[in-house]
Protein backbone atom coordinates (compact mmCIF):
# COMPACT_ATOMS: atom_id res chain seq x y z
CA UNK A 1 -14.71 -22.76 9.65
CA UNK A 2 -11.41 -21.07 10.50
CA UNK A 3 -9.55 -19.37 7.66
CA UNK A 4 -6.07 -20.72 7.01
CA UNK A 5 -2.90 -18.67 7.22
CA UNK A 6 -1.07 -18.28 3.92
CA UNK A 7 1.85 -16.48 2.30
CA UNK A 8 1.00 -12.99 1.03
CA UNK A 9 -0.24 -12.54 -2.53
CA UNK A 10 1.13 -9.00 -2.22
CA UNK A 11 4.22 -7.85 -0.34
CA UNK A 12 5.81 -4.51 -1.20
CA UNK A 13 8.06 -1.82 0.22
CA UNK A 14 8.20 1.77 -1.04
CA UNK A 15 9.05 5.28 0.00
CA UNK A 16 6.12 7.16 1.53
CA UNK A 17 6.79 10.03 -0.89
CA UNK A 18 6.29 8.26 -4.20
CA UNK A 19 3.99 10.30 -6.49
CA UNK A 20 3.66 7.51 -9.05
CA UNK A 21 2.74 4.64 -6.72
CA UNK A 22 -1.03 4.99 -7.17
CA UNK A 23 -0.76 5.56 -10.92
CA UNK A 24 0.59 8.06 -13.40
CA UNK A 25 0.67 11.47 -11.78
CA UNK A 26 2.73 13.90 -13.92
CA UNK A 27 1.47 16.97 -12.07
CA UNK A 28 2.38 15.56 -8.69
CA UNK A 29 5.74 14.40 -10.05
CA UNK A 30 6.59 17.96 -11.13
CA UNK A 31 5.56 19.34 -7.72
CA UNK A 32 7.66 16.64 -6.05
CA UNK A 33 10.75 17.54 -8.08
CA UNK A 34 10.31 21.23 -7.36
CA UNK A 35 9.94 20.47 -3.65
CA UNK A 36 13.10 18.36 -3.60
CA UNK A 37 15.09 20.94 -5.58
CA UNK A 38 13.95 23.75 -3.28
CA UNK A 39 14.74 21.78 -0.15
CA UNK A 40 18.22 20.83 -1.37
CA UNK A 41 18.94 24.38 -2.51
CA UNK A 42 17.91 25.79 0.86
CA UNK A 43 20.19 23.48 2.83
CA UNK A 44 23.11 24.04 0.44
CA UNK A 45 22.73 27.82 0.58
CA UNK A 46 22.89 27.68 4.36
CA UNK A 47 26.10 25.60 4.15
CA UNK A 48 24.52 23.11 6.57
CA UNK A 49 23.59 20.35 4.10
CA UNK A 50 25.28 17.43 5.80
CA UNK A 51 24.42 18.38 9.37
CA UNK A 52 20.76 19.15 8.71
CA UNK A 53 20.43 16.19 6.36
CA UNK A 54 21.71 13.64 8.84
CA UNK A 55 20.30 15.12 12.04
CA UNK A 56 16.95 16.59 11.09
CA UNK A 57 15.81 14.61 8.07
CA UNK A 58 16.97 16.86 5.22
CA UNK A 59 18.20 15.68 1.81
CA UNK A 60 19.70 12.51 3.34
CA UNK A 61 16.26 11.49 4.53
CA UNK A 62 14.58 9.07 2.14
CA UNK A 63 10.89 9.27 1.33
CA UNK A 64 9.77 11.85 3.85
CA UNK A 65 6.18 12.94 3.19
CA UNK A 66 4.77 16.10 4.73
CA UNK A 67 1.07 16.71 5.38
CA UNK A 68 0.50 18.83 2.24
CA UNK A 69 2.13 16.36 -0.13
CA UNK A 70 0.34 13.49 1.61
CA UNK A 71 -3.05 15.16 1.18
CA UNK A 72 -2.33 15.90 -2.49
CA UNK A 73 -1.22 12.32 -3.11
CA UNK A 74 -4.33 10.76 -1.55
CA UNK A 75 -6.72 13.25 -3.13
CA UNK A 76 -5.12 12.73 -6.53
CA UNK A 77 -5.39 8.94 -6.21
CA UNK A 78 -9.11 9.04 -5.35
CA UNK A 79 -9.89 11.66 -8.00
CA UNK A 80 -8.23 9.66 -10.78
CA UNK A 81 -9.96 6.47 -9.62
CA UNK A 82 -13.38 8.16 -9.58
CA UNK A 83 -12.77 9.65 -13.03
CA UNK A 84 -12.04 6.18 -14.41
CA UNK A 85 -15.04 4.58 -12.66
CA UNK A 86 -17.59 7.26 -11.72
CA UNK A 87 -20.37 4.76 -10.86
CA UNK A 88 -20.24 2.33 -7.92
CA UNK A 89 -21.59 -1.00 -9.17
CA UNK A 90 -23.31 -3.94 -7.53
CA UNK A 91 -21.58 -7.25 -8.19
CA UNK A 92 -24.34 -8.40 -10.57
CA UNK A 93 -24.01 -5.20 -12.57
CA UNK A 94 -20.38 -6.01 -13.36
CA UNK A 95 -21.55 -8.84 -15.66
CA UNK A 96 -22.41 -6.31 -18.39
CA UNK A 97 -18.99 -4.61 -18.21
CA UNK A 98 -16.48 -5.88 -20.80
CA UNK A 99 -13.33 -7.50 -19.49
CA UNK A 100 -10.41 -5.13 -19.13
CA UNK A 101 -12.62 -2.12 -18.34
CA UNK A 102 -12.27 -0.14 -15.08
CA UNK A 103 -14.92 -0.77 -12.43
CA UNK A 104 -15.64 0.29 -8.86
CA UNK A 105 -17.43 -1.84 -6.27
CA UNK A 106 -18.21 -1.22 -2.62
CA UNK A 107 -18.74 -4.11 -0.25
CA UNK A 108 -17.70 -6.18 2.73
CA UNK A 109 -14.42 -8.08 2.94
CA UNK A 110 -14.74 -11.86 3.13
CA UNK A 111 -11.42 -13.46 3.98
CA UNK A 112 -10.16 -16.36 1.87
CA UNK A 113 -6.82 -16.52 3.65
CA UNK A 114 -5.08 -14.68 6.46
CA UNK A 115 -1.61 -13.26 6.91
CA UNK A 116 0.66 -14.72 9.58
CA UNK A 117 -0.55 -13.41 12.94
CA UNK A 118 2.91 -13.06 14.51
CA UNK A 119 3.97 -10.50 11.90
CA UNK A 120 0.69 -8.93 10.81
CA UNK A 121 -1.69 -9.32 13.76
CA UNK A 122 -4.58 -11.76 14.18
CA UNK A 123 -7.25 -12.05 11.49
CA UNK A 124 -5.53 -9.70 9.03
CA UNK A 125 -6.28 -9.78 5.30
CA UNK A 126 -4.40 -6.61 4.28
CA UNK A 127 -1.72 -4.95 6.40
CA UNK A 128 -0.28 -1.52 5.70
CA UNK A 129 2.56 -0.19 7.88
CA UNK A 130 3.71 3.42 7.83
CA UNK A 131 7.29 2.92 9.00
CA UNK A 132 9.92 5.47 10.03
CA UNK A 133 13.45 4.13 10.47
CA UNK A 134 16.54 5.77 11.94
CA UNK A 135 19.68 3.93 10.92
CA UNK A 136 23.35 4.43 11.79
CA UNK A 137 26.70 2.78 11.36
CA UNK A 138 26.95 -0.90 12.18
CA UNK A 139 28.62 -2.02 15.44
CA UNK A 140 32.38 -2.36 15.12
CA UNK A 141 32.63 0.01 12.15
CA UNK A 142 34.98 3.03 12.25
CA UNK A 143 33.47 5.92 14.17
CA UNK A 144 31.68 8.16 11.66
CA UNK A 145 28.77 10.56 11.98
CA UNK A 146 26.43 8.46 9.87
CA UNK A 147 22.71 8.73 10.40
CA UNK A 148 19.99 8.02 7.84
CA UNK A 149 16.22 8.37 8.07
CA UNK A 150 13.94 6.36 5.80
CA UNK A 151 10.18 6.85 5.68
CA UNK A 152 8.64 3.74 4.16
CA UNK A 153 5.31 2.07 3.53
CA UNK A 154 5.14 -1.71 3.76
CA UNK A 155 2.10 -3.61 2.52
CA UNK A 156 1.17 -7.28 2.61
CA UNK A 157 -2.16 -8.79 1.61
CA UNK A 158 -4.05 -11.93 0.60
CA UNK A 159 -6.65 -12.17 -2.15
CA UNK A 160 -10.15 -11.81 -0.72
CA UNK A 161 -13.80 -11.89 -1.73
CA UNK A 162 -16.01 -8.81 -1.69
CA UNK A 163 -19.73 -9.14 -0.96
CA UNK A 164 -22.11 -6.32 -1.89
CA UNK A 165 -25.33 -5.35 -0.10
CA UNK A 166 -27.31 -8.00 -1.99
CA UNK A 167 -24.92 -10.76 -0.92
CA UNK A 168 -23.37 -11.30 -4.36
CA UNK A 169 -19.63 -11.93 -4.31
CA UNK A 170 -16.66 -11.14 -6.54
CA UNK A 171 -12.94 -11.83 -6.15
CA UNK A 172 -10.31 -9.18 -5.46
CA UNK A 173 -6.75 -10.00 -6.58
CA UNK A 174 -4.19 -7.93 -4.70
CA UNK A 175 -0.97 -8.69 -6.58
CA UNK A 176 -0.91 -5.07 -7.80
CA UNK A 177 -2.90 -3.31 -5.09
CA UNK A 178 -2.51 -0.45 -2.64
CA UNK A 179 -4.46 0.37 0.50
CA UNK A 180 -5.11 4.12 0.37
CA UNK A 181 -5.61 5.51 3.86
CA UNK A 182 -4.37 8.31 6.08
CA UNK A 183 -1.16 7.21 7.85
CA UNK A 184 -1.82 5.58 11.20
CA UNK A 185 -0.26 6.99 14.35
CA UNK A 186 3.30 5.70 14.63
CA UNK A 187 3.21 4.44 18.18
CA UNK A 188 4.65 0.93 17.70
CA UNK A 189 8.41 1.00 18.34
CA UNK A 190 8.92 -2.76 18.15
CA UNK A 191 7.74 -3.60 14.59
CA UNK A 192 10.77 -3.57 12.29
CA UNK A 193 11.44 -7.02 10.72
CA UNK A 194 14.62 -5.95 8.94
CA UNK A 195 15.56 -9.39 7.63
CA UNK A 196 12.22 -9.69 5.85
CA UNK A 197 12.33 -6.13 4.53
CA UNK A 198 15.80 -6.67 3.08
CA UNK A 199 14.48 -9.48 0.87
CA UNK A 200 11.76 -7.37 -0.77
CA UNK A 201 11.90 -5.30 -3.91
CA UNK A 202 11.97 -1.67 -2.92
CA UNK A 203 13.82 1.65 -3.24
CA UNK A 204 17.51 0.84 -3.81
CA UNK A 205 18.63 3.60 -1.44
CA UNK A 206 16.48 2.29 1.40
CA UNK A 207 17.53 -1.33 0.79
CA UNK A 208 21.19 -0.28 0.87
CA UNK A 209 20.61 1.38 4.24
CA UNK A 210 18.87 -1.74 5.58
CA UNK A 211 21.75 -3.96 4.45
CA UNK A 212 24.69 -1.83 5.56
CA UNK A 213 23.51 0.18 8.56
CA UNK A 214 22.22 -0.77 12.00
CA UNK A 215 18.75 0.09 13.23
CA UNK A 216 18.71 2.76 15.95
CA UNK A 217 15.02 3.53 16.26
CA UNK A 218 11.78 2.59 14.53
CA UNK A 219 8.21 3.85 14.69
CA UNK A 220 5.37 2.02 12.97
CA UNK A 221 1.70 2.83 12.44
CA UNK A 222 -0.61 -0.03 11.43
CA UNK A 223 -3.70 -0.07 9.23
CA UNK A 224 -5.35 -3.47 8.83
CA UNK A 225 -8.25 -4.88 6.85
CA UNK A 226 -10.06 -7.80 8.42
CA UNK A 227 -13.04 -9.97 7.58
CA UNK A 228 -16.20 -7.86 7.74
CA UNK A 229 -14.57 -4.50 7.01
CA UNK A 230 -16.26 -2.25 4.44
CA UNK A 231 -14.16 -1.03 1.50
CA UNK A 232 -14.46 0.51 -1.94
CA UNK A 233 -12.32 -1.11 -4.61
CA UNK A 234 -11.27 0.53 -7.89
CA UNK A 235 -9.72 -1.79 -10.45
CA UNK A 236 -10.18 -3.55 -13.77
CA UNK A 237 -12.62 -6.33 -14.55
CA UNK A 238 -11.64 -9.87 -15.36
CA UNK A 239 -13.37 -13.22 -14.72
CA UNK A 240 -12.68 -16.85 -13.94
CA UNK A 241 -14.67 -20.09 -14.06
CA UNK A 242 -16.11 -20.88 -10.63
CA UNK A 243 -18.06 -24.18 -10.46
CA UNK A 244 -19.44 -23.22 -7.04
CA UNK A 245 -21.83 -20.72 -8.67
CA UNK A 246 -25.28 -22.33 -8.65
CA UNK A 247 -27.52 -19.44 -9.77
CA UNK A 248 -27.15 -19.87 -13.54
CA UNK A 249 -28.70 -21.57 -16.55
CA UNK A 250 -27.80 -25.21 -17.04
CA UNK A 251 -25.44 -24.61 -19.98
CA UNK A 252 -24.21 -21.20 -18.84
CA UNK A 253 -20.51 -20.97 -17.97
CA UNK A 254 -20.17 -20.23 -14.23
CA UNK A 255 -18.08 -17.05 -14.37
CA UNK A 256 -17.20 -15.00 -11.33
CA UNK A 257 -15.99 -11.41 -11.65
CA UNK A 258 -12.45 -10.62 -10.60
CA UNK A 259 -11.17 -7.10 -9.89
CA UNK A 260 -7.43 -6.66 -10.31
CA UNK A 261 -4.79 -4.08 -11.11
CA UNK A 262 -3.65 -3.15 -14.61
CA UNK A 263 -0.05 -3.36 -15.88
CA UNK A 264 0.51 0.39 -15.42
CA UNK A 265 -2.06 1.12 -12.69
CA UNK A 266 -2.72 -0.36 -9.27
CA UNK A 267 -5.95 -1.67 -7.86
CA UNK A 268 -6.87 0.85 -5.17
CA UNK A 269 -8.62 -0.09 -1.93
CA UNK A 270 -10.23 2.68 0.12
CA UNK A 271 -11.41 1.51 3.55
CA UNK A 272 -14.67 3.08 4.71
CA UNK A 273 -13.11 3.33 8.16
CA UNK A 274 -9.46 2.42 8.58
CA UNK A 275 -8.60 0.46 11.70
CA UNK A 276 -5.34 0.81 13.60
CA UNK A 277 -3.77 -1.85 15.76
């Protein structure tokens, strides 16, 4: 039976360089501040702040993430997740874990709903876009040397089921989730739905650019999860009543495990092999 298209249960926009997105990261935050201060000081000392910032992605470039900071961010996210949940569980093993405790489960994605194909690609359950935007003054505005660069990550996803190697299934709620993967190659220069992006919660600076400036260039790299992909999910256990569960005692409440994010921490999804395109 075909899976129906639905509105996303998750839709977010953030700067690529956001040390707190995957959870509390005080060490990374300090490194990030030192990096920003050093970069700004360098450009100011050379008396080329405005020119370098607008032309080459200096201090007026929002959310730029270099390879070293990117590696630290991803490594930190996985390390903290593994420290919280050092053991990968089978779905049946999650029954003994109290609700609200961190758990980790590896399995195969089973789609419950799909994102709209025209925006996210066919058969997509979770769509991450690494998006670089070059924006300038709007048509008809006074002639000014205005150029901004924003480096963003957009994510949209639907809740899905996760089946382990024994065929047991749990639910993954993505309302506070993040797909942690190396950035895909930015070779798509057509994907930039500005009207949709403007309506999302996101970095105020980037949203101001989207609303007041015109798009000059875009470059997007896509990472998608689809039905049948293998992932490891780190989150917190909850449960809901699911009458479709048949393997239980007659008077036993049919509970199915749910993995979701916590108020201060995101559910993290690590694809075994990220797919572009």
